[in-house]
Amino acid sequence: MERKHGKKERTMIVVTKLKGERFVLNCDLIETISENPDTTISLTNGDLYIVRESMQEVIDKTIDFKRKIYQRF
């Protein structure tokens, strides 16, 4: 997290577990994303998440989030 203008900026995207539970994921911690056939996200801390979103959807959400953050500069 970084501090910008006195507020904490979080690098989070919303994804959905296979059973339907939505949660936020820190996209700065994503190490790999694979599809076989389910989308598995592996984080730099060793955690693994299997999500409903496709690999491309996770990539797109991350890119969209980063664009919003960097547009401020």
PDB file of N, CA and C in Angstrom:
ATOM      1  N   MET A   1       0.827  -1.176   0.000  1.00  0.00           N
ATOM      2  CA  MET A   1       0.000   0.000   0.000  1.00  0.00           C
ATOM      3  C   MET A   1       0.874   1.242   0.000  1.00  0.00           C
ATOM      4  N   GLU A   2       0.422   2.217  -0.703  1.00  0.00           N
ATOM      5  CA  GLU A   2       1.118   3.493  -0.729  1.00  0.00           C
ATOM      6  C   GLU A   2       0.203   4.554  -0.153  1.00  0.00           C
ATOM      7  N   ARG A   3       0.805   5.611   0.335  1.00  0.00           N
ATOM      8  CA  ARG A   3       0.006   6.749   0.802  1.00  0.00           C
ATOM      9  C   ARG A   3       0.051   7.835  -0.258  1.00  0.00           C
ATOM     10  N   LYS A   4      -1.093   8.254  -0.716  1.00  0.00           N
ATOM     11  CA  LYS A   4      -1.227   9.347  -1.679  1.00  0.00           C
ATOM     12  C   LYS A   4      -2.268  10.302  -1.131  1.00  0.00           C
ATOM     13  N   HIS A   5      -1.890  11.539  -0.988  1.00  0.00           N
ATOM     14  CA  HIS A   5      -2.819  12.571  -0.526  1.00  0.00           C
ATOM     15  C   HIS A   5      -3.477  12.192   0.803  1.00  0.00           C
ATOM     16  N   GLY A   6      -2.713  11.532   1.685  1.00  0.00           N
ATOM     17  CA  GLY A   6      -3.218  11.199   3.009  1.00  0.00           C
ATOM     18  C   GLY A   6      -4.112   9.977   3.068  1.00  0.00           C
ATOM     19  N   LYS A   7      -4.366   9.324   1.957  1.00  0.00           N
ATOM     20  CA  LYS A   7      -5.220   8.139   1.940  1.00  0.00           C
ATOM     21  C   LYS A   7      -4.391   6.926   1.548  1.00  0.00           C
ATOM     22  N   LYS A   8      -4.784   5.767   2.051  1.00  0.00           N
ATOM     23  CA  LYS A   8      -4.119   4.536   1.644  1.00  0.00           C
ATOM     24  C   LYS A   8      -4.705   4.092   0.310  1.00  0.00           C
ATOM     25  N   GLU A   9      -3.843   3.796  -0.633  1.00  0.00           N
ATOM     26  CA  GLU A   9      -4.282   3.277  -1.925  1.00  0.00           C
ATOM     27  C   GLU A   9      -4.154   1.758  -1.877  1.00  0.00           C
ATOM     28  N   ARG A  10      -5.223   1.067  -2.086  1.00  0.00           N
ATOM     29  CA  ARG A  10      -5.200  -0.397  -2.052  1.00  0.00           C
ATOM     30  C   ARG A  10      -5.195  -0.918  -3.483  1.00  0.00           C
ATOM     31  N   THR A  11      -4.470  -1.969  -3.671  1.00  0.00           N
ATOM     32  CA  THR A  11      -4.383  -2.558  -5.006  1.00  0.00           C
ATOM     33  C   THR A  11      -5.235  -3.825  -5.031  1.00  0.00           C
ATOM     34  N   MET A  12      -6.541  -3.632  -5.033  1.00  0.00           N
ATOM     35  CA  MET A  12      -7.466  -4.744  -4.901  1.00  0.00           C
ATOM     36  C   MET A  12      -8.384  -4.866  -6.109  1.00  0.00           C
ATOM     37  N   ILE A  13      -8.655  -6.117  -6.472  1.00  0.00           N
ATOM     38  CA  ILE A  13      -9.660  -6.419  -7.484  1.00  0.00           C
ATOM     39  C   ILE A  13     -10.659  -7.397  -6.861  1.00  0.00           C
ATOM     40  N   VAL A  14     -11.883  -7.400  -7.364  1.00  0.00           N
ATOM     41  CA  VAL A  14     -12.914  -8.312  -6.861  1.00  0.00           C
ATOM     42  C   VAL A  14     -12.956  -9.538  -7.764  1.00  0.00           C
ATOM     43  N   VAL A  15     -12.872 -10.721  -7.150  1.00  0.00           N
ATOM     44  CA  VAL A  15     -12.981 -11.990  -7.870  1.00  0.00           C
ATOM     45  C   VAL A  15     -13.952 -12.893  -7.114  1.00  0.00           C
ATOM     46  N   THR A  16     -14.339 -14.013  -7.740  1.00  0.00           N
ATOM     47  CA  THR A  16     -15.359 -14.892  -7.179  1.00  0.00           C
ATOM     48  C   THR A  16     -14.830 -16.313  -7.054  1.00  0.00           C
ATOM     49  N   LYS A  17     -14.946 -16.874  -5.848  1.00  0.00           N
ATOM     50  CA  LYS A  17     -14.575 -18.277  -5.648  1.00  0.00           C
ATOM     51  C   LYS A  17     -15.584 -19.158  -6.384  1.00  0.00           C
ATOM     52  N   LEU A  18     -15.238 -20.416  -6.604  1.00  0.00           N
ATOM     53  CA  LEU A  18     -16.107 -21.320  -7.359  1.00  0.00           C
ATOM     54  C   LEU A  18     -17.490 -21.471  -6.729  1.00  0.00           C
ATOM     55  N   LYS A  19     -17.586 -21.399  -5.411  1.00  0.00           N
ATOM     56  CA  LYS A  19     -18.881 -21.558  -4.743  1.00  0.00           C
ATOM     57  C   LYS A  19     -19.681 -20.262  -4.692  1.00  0.00           C
ATOM     58  N   GLY A  20     -19.170 -19.194  -5.319  1.00  0.00           N
ATOM     59  CA  GLY A  20     -19.928 -17.957  -5.433  1.00  0.00           C
ATOM     60  C   GLY A  20     -19.534 -16.849  -4.482  1.00  0.00           C
ATOM     61  N   GLU A  21     -18.628 -17.111  -3.559  1.00  0.00           N
ATOM     62  CA  GLU A  21     -18.203 -16.080  -2.602  1.00  0.00           C
ATOM     63  C   GLU A  21     -17.283 -15.075  -3.282  1.00  0.00           C
ATOM     64  N   ARG A  22     -17.681 -13.793  -3.234  1.00  0.00           N
ATOM     65  CA  ARG A  22     -16.849 -12.730  -3.810  1.00  0.00           C
ATOM     66  C   ARG A  22     -15.862 -12.258  -2.760  1.00  0.00           C
ATOM     67  N   PHE A  23     -14.650 -11.923  -3.190  1.00  0.00           N
ATOM     68  CA  PHE A  23     -13.649 -11.399  -2.266  1.00  0.00           C
ATOM     69  C   PHE A  23     -12.711 -10.481  -3.021  1.00  0.00           C
ATOM     70  N   VAL A  24     -11.972  -9.682  -2.268  1.00  0.00           N
ATOM     71  CA  VAL A  24     -11.003  -8.786  -2.891  1.00  0.00           C
ATOM     72  C   VAL A  24      -9.620  -9.402  -2.787  1.00  0.00           C
ATOM     73  N   LEU A  25      -8.851  -9.207  -3.839  1.00  0.00           N
ATOM     74  CA  LEU A  25      -7.526  -9.797  -3.948  1.00  0.00           C
ATOM     75  C   LEU A  25      -6.531  -8.687  -4.260  1.00  0.00           C
ATOM     76  N   ASN A  26      -5.431  -8.675  -3.552  1.00  0.00           N
ATOM     77  CA  ASN A  26      -4.379  -7.690  -3.796  1.00  0.00           C
ATOM     78  C   ASN A  26      -3.658  -8.089  -5.080  1.00  0.00           C
ATOM     79  N   CYS A  27      -3.916  -7.359  -6.157  1.00  0.00           N
ATOM     80  CA  CYS A  27      -3.358  -7.742  -7.459  1.00  0.00           C
ATOM     81  C   CYS A  27      -1.851  -7.529  -7.541  1.00  0.00           C
ATOM     82  N   ASP A  28      -1.264  -6.782  -6.606  1.00  0.00           N
ATOM     83  CA  ASP A  28       0.196  -6.645  -6.592  1.00  0.00           C
ATOM     84  C   ASP A  28       0.882  -7.926  -6.133  1.00  0.00           C
ATOM     85  N   LEU A  29       0.130  -8.832  -5.494  1.00  0.00           N
ATOM     86  CA  LEU A  29       0.712 -10.078  -5.003  1.00  0.00           C
ATOM     87  C   LEU A  29       0.583 -11.235  -5.987  1.00  0.00           C
ATOM     88  N   ILE A  30      -0.075 -11.012  -7.129  1.00  0.00           N
ATOM     89  CA  ILE A  30      -0.248 -12.094  -8.100  1.00  0.00           C
ATOM     90  C   ILE A  30       1.098 -12.458  -8.709  1.00  0.00           C
ATOM     91  N   GLU A  31       1.420 -13.752  -8.621  1.00  0.00           N
ATOM     92  CA  GLU A  31       2.652 -14.256  -9.229  1.00  0.00           C
ATOM     93  C   GLU A  31       2.338 -14.945 -10.556  1.00  0.00           C
ATOM     94  N   THR A  32       1.337 -15.842 -10.544  1.00  0.00           N
ATOM     95  CA  THR A  32       0.932 -16.517 -11.777  1.00  0.00           C
ATOM     96  C   THR A  32      -0.586 -16.684 -11.807  1.00  0.00           C
ATOM     97  N   ILE A  33      -1.101 -16.807 -13.037  1.00  0.00           N
ATOM     98  CA  ILE A  33      -2.505 -17.136 -13.271  1.00  0.00           C
ATOM     99  C   ILE A  33      -2.508 -18.249 -14.302  1.00  0.00           C
ATOM    100  N   SER A  34      -3.264 -19.324 -14.022  1.00  0.00           N
ATOM    101  CA  SER A  34      -3.333 -20.418 -14.995  1.00  0.00           C
ATOM    102  C   SER A  34      -4.781 -20.877 -15.142  1.00  0.00           C
ATOM    103  N   GLU A  35      -5.069 -21.531 -16.270  1.00  0.00           N
ATOM    104  CA  GLU A  35      -6.387 -22.122 -16.532  1.00  0.00           C
ATOM    105  C   GLU A  35      -6.170 -23.579 -16.904  1.00  0.00           C
ATOM    106  N   ASN A  36      -6.830 -24.478 -16.138  1.00  0.00           N
ATOM    107  CA  ASN A  36      -6.631 -25.892 -16.439  1.00  0.00           C
ATOM    108  C   ASN A  36      -7.737 -26.751 -15.852  1.00  0.00           C
ATOM    109  N   PRO A  37      -8.967 -26.713 -16.129  1.00  0.00           N
ATOM    110  CA  PRO A  37      -9.694 -25.674 -16.835  1.00  0.00           C
ATOM    111  C   PRO A  37     -10.057 -24.499 -15.928  1.00  0.00           C
ATOM    112  N   ASP A  38     -10.066 -24.715 -14.580  1.00  0.00           N
ATOM    113  CA  ASP A  38     -10.405 -23.614 -13.669  1.00  0.00           C
ATOM    114  C   ASP A  38      -9.252 -22.623 -13.589  1.00  0.00           C
ATOM    115  N   THR A  39      -9.586 -21.376 -13.327  1.00  0.00           N
ATOM    116  CA  THR A  39      -8.568 -20.338 -13.197  1.00  0.00           C
ATOM    117  C   THR A  39      -7.986 -20.391 -11.790  1.00  0.00           C
ATOM    118  N   THR A  40      -6.678 -20.553 -11.721  1.00  0.00           N
ATOM    119  CA  THR A  40      -5.965 -20.602 -10.447  1.00  0.00           C
ATOM    120  C   THR A  40      -5.011 -19.424 -10.374  1.00  0.00           C
ATOM    121  N   ILE A  41      -5.125 -18.676  -9.277  1.00  0.00           N
ATOM    122  CA  ILE A  41      -4.252 -17.522  -9.051  1.00  0.00           C
ATOM    123  C   ILE A  41      -3.297 -17.884  -7.926  1.00  0.00           C
ATOM    124  N   SER A  42      -2.012 -17.772  -8.205  1.00  0.00           N
ATOM    125  CA  SER A  42      -0.994 -18.035  -7.196  1.00  0.00           C
ATOM    126  C   SER A  42      -0.366 -16.710  -6.798  1.00  0.00           C
ATOM    127  N   LEU A  43      -0.236 -16.510  -5.479  1.00  0.00           N
ATOM    128  CA  LEU A  43       0.308 -15.262  -4.958  1.00  0.00           C
ATOM    129  C   LEU A  43       1.761 -15.440  -4.527  1.00  0.00           C
ATOM    130  N   THR A  44       2.451 -14.341  -4.390  1.00  0.00           N
ATOM    131  CA  THR A  44       3.862 -14.378  -4.004  1.00  0.00           C
ATOM    132  C   THR A  44       4.057 -14.932  -2.597  1.00  0.00           C
ATOM    133  N   ASN A  45       3.005 -14.920  -1.764  1.00  0.00           N
ATOM    134  CA  ASN A  45       3.119 -15.460  -0.409  1.00  0.00           C
ATOM    135  C   ASN A  45       2.795 -16.953  -0.341  1.00  0.00           C
ATOM    136  N   GLY A  46       2.542 -17.579  -1.510  1.00  0.00           N
ATOM    137  CA  GLY A  46       2.266 -19.010  -1.564  1.00  0.00           C
ATOM    138  C   GLY A  46       0.792 -19.369  -1.572  1.00  0.00           C
ATOM    139  N   ASP A  47      -0.100 -18.418  -1.318  1.00  0.00           N
ATOM    140  CA  ASP A  47      -1.536 -18.698  -1.334  1.00  0.00           C
ATOM    141  C   ASP A  47      -2.001 -18.982  -2.757  1.00  0.00           C
ATOM    142  N   LEU A  48      -2.998 -19.877  -2.872  1.00  0.00           N
ATOM    143  CA  LEU A  48      -3.613 -20.211  -4.161  1.00  0.00           C
ATOM    144  C   LEU A  48      -5.110 -19.964  -4.067  1.00  0.00           C
ATOM    145  N   TYR A  49      -5.681 -19.411  -5.120  1.00  0.00           N
ATOM    146  CA  TYR A  49      -7.117 -19.187  -5.188  1.00  0.00           C
ATOM    147  C   TYR A  49      -7.626 -19.715  -6.518  1.00  0.00           C
ATOM    148  N   ILE A  50      -8.731 -20.478  -6.457  1.00  0.00           N
ATOM    149  CA  ILE A  50      -9.411 -20.935  -7.666  1.00  0.00           C
ATOM    150  C   ILE A  50     -10.655 -20.070  -7.801  1.00  0.00           C
ATOM    151  N   VAL A  51     -10.791 -19.423  -8.954  1.00  0.00           N
ATOM    152  CA  VAL A  51     -11.861 -18.442  -9.135  1.00  0.00           C
ATOM    153  C   VAL A  51     -12.681 -18.736 -10.383  1.00  0.00           C
ATOM    154  N   ARG A  52     -13.890 -18.157 -10.422  1.00  0.00           N
ATOM    155  CA  ARG A  52     -14.795 -18.328 -11.568  1.00  0.00           C
ATOM    156  C   ARG A  52     -14.346 -17.539 -12.791  1.00  0.00           C
ATOM    157  N   GLU A  53     -13.708 -16.404 -12.562  1.00  0.00           N
ATOM    158  CA  GLU A  53     -13.294 -15.550 -13.672  1.00  0.00           C
ATOM    159  C   GLU A  53     -12.257 -16.274 -14.525  1.00  0.00           C
ATOM    160  N   SER A  54     -12.280 -15.976 -15.816  1.00  0.00           N
ATOM    161  CA  SER A  54     -11.262 -16.543 -16.704  1.00  0.00           C
ATOM    162  C   SER A  54      -9.923 -15.856 -16.443  1.00  0.00           C
ATOM    163  N   MET A  55      -8.871 -16.450 -16.948  1.00  0.00           N
ATOM    164  CA  MET A  55      -7.550 -15.846 -16.820  1.00  0.00           C
ATOM    165  C   MET A  55      -7.560 -14.444 -17.425  1.00  0.00           C
ATOM    166  N   GLN A  56      -8.175 -14.302 -18.597  1.00  0.00           N
ATOM    167  CA  GLN A  56      -8.207 -13.001 -19.263  1.00  0.00           C
ATOM    168  C   GLN A  56      -9.001 -11.973 -18.452  1.00  0.00           C
ATOM    169  N   GLU A  57     -10.088 -12.406 -17.807  1.00  0.00           N
ATOM    170  CA  GLU A  57     -10.864 -11.479 -16.973  1.00  0.00           C
ATOM    171  C   GLU A  57     -10.037 -10.961 -15.794  1.00  0.00           C
ATOM    172  N   VAL A  58      -9.259 -11.840 -15.168  1.00  0.00           N
ATOM    173  CA  VAL A  58      -8.404 -11.414 -14.051  1.00  0.00           C
ATOM    174  C   VAL A  58      -7.357 -10.427 -14.553  1.00  0.00           C
ATOM    175  N   ILE A  59      -6.771 -10.719 -15.693  1.00  0.00           N
ATOM    176  CA  ILE A  59      -5.786  -9.807 -16.292  1.00  0.00           C
ATOM    177  C   ILE A  59      -6.440  -8.461 -16.593  1.00  0.00           C
ATOM    178  N   ASP A  60      -7.627  -8.488 -17.209  1.00  0.00           N
ATOM    179  CA  ASP A  60      -8.331  -7.247 -17.554  1.00  0.00           C
ATOM    180  C   ASP A  60      -8.685  -6.430 -16.313  1.00  0.00           C
ATOM    181  N   LYS A  61      -9.150  -7.101 -15.250  1.00  0.00           N
ATOM    182  CA  LYS A  61      -9.476  -6.389 -14.011  1.00  0.00           C
ATOM    183  C   LYS A  61      -8.234  -5.729 -13.425  1.00  0.00           C
ATOM    184  N   THR A  62      -7.115  -6.426 -13.486  1.00  0.00           N
ATOM    185  CA  THR A  62      -5.860  -5.879 -12.959  1.00  0.00           C
ATOM    186  C   THR A  62      -5.420  -4.672 -13.776  1.00  0.00           C
ATOM    187  N   ILE A  63      -5.481  -4.790 -15.093  1.00  0.00           N
ATOM    188  CA  ILE A  63      -5.095  -3.677 -15.969  1.00  0.00           C
ATOM    189  C   ILE A  63      -6.015  -2.482 -15.747  1.00  0.00           C
ATOM    190  N   ASP A  64      -7.333  -2.728 -15.680  1.00  0.00           N
ATOM    191  CA  ASP A  64      -8.289  -1.639 -15.447  1.00  0.00           C
ATOM    192  C   ASP A  64      -8.006  -0.931 -14.128  1.00  0.00           C
ATOM    193  N   PHE A  65      -7.736  -1.719 -13.088  1.00  0.00           N
ATOM    194  CA  PHE A  65      -7.445  -1.122 -11.794  1.00  0.00           C
ATOM    195  C   PHE A  65      -6.186  -0.266 -11.863  1.00  0.00           C
ATOM    196  N   LYS A  66      -5.124  -0.799 -12.465  1.00  0.00           N
ATOM    197  CA  LYS A  66      -3.854  -0.064 -12.560  1.00  0.00           C
ATOM    198  C   LYS A  66      -4.028   1.224 -13.374  1.00  0.00           C
ATOM    199  N   ARG A  67      -4.828   1.170 -14.429  1.00  0.00           N
ATOM    200  CA  ARG A  67      -5.082   2.381 -15.226  1.00  0.00           C
ATOM    201  C   ARG A  67      -5.732   3.467 -14.376  1.00  0.00           C
ATOM    202  N   LYS A  68      -6.706   3.074 -13.559  1.00  0.00           N
ATOM    203  CA  LYS A  68      -7.382   4.045 -12.695  1.00  0.00           C
ATOM    204  C   LYS A  68      -6.396   4.683 -11.725  1.00  0.00           C
ATOM    205  N   ILE A  69      -5.515   3.889 -11.173  1.00  0.00           N
ATOM    206  CA  ILE A  69      -4.530   4.400 -10.215  1.00  0.00           C
ATOM    207  C   ILE A  69      -3.555   5.343 -10.906  1.00  0.00           C
ATOM    208  N   TYR A  70      -3.008   4.933 -12.047  1.00  0.00           N
ATOM    209  CA  TYR A  70      -1.967   5.722 -12.702  1.00  0.00           C
ATOM    210  C   TYR A  70      -2.505   6.936 -13.446  1.00  0.00           C
ATOM    211  N   GLN A  71      -3.813   7.002 -13.707  1.00  0.00           N
ATOM    212  CA  GLN A  71      -4.406   8.188 -14.332  1.00  0.00           C
ATOM    213  C   GLN A  71      -4.323   9.398 -13.417  1.00  0.00           C
ATOM    214  N   ARG A  72      -4.177   9.157 -12.142  1.00  0.00           N
ATOM    215  CA  ARG A  72      -4.133  10.250 -11.164  1.00  0.00           C
ATOM    216  C   ARG A  72      -2.829  11.028 -11.217  1.00  0.00           C
ATOM    217  N   PHE A  73      -1.819  10.480 -11.867  1.00  0.00           N
ATOM    218  CA  PHE A  73      -0.496  11.125 -11.872  1.00  0.00           C
ATOM    219  C   PHE A  73      -0.269  11.933 -13.116  1.00  0.00           C
TER     220      PHE A  73
END
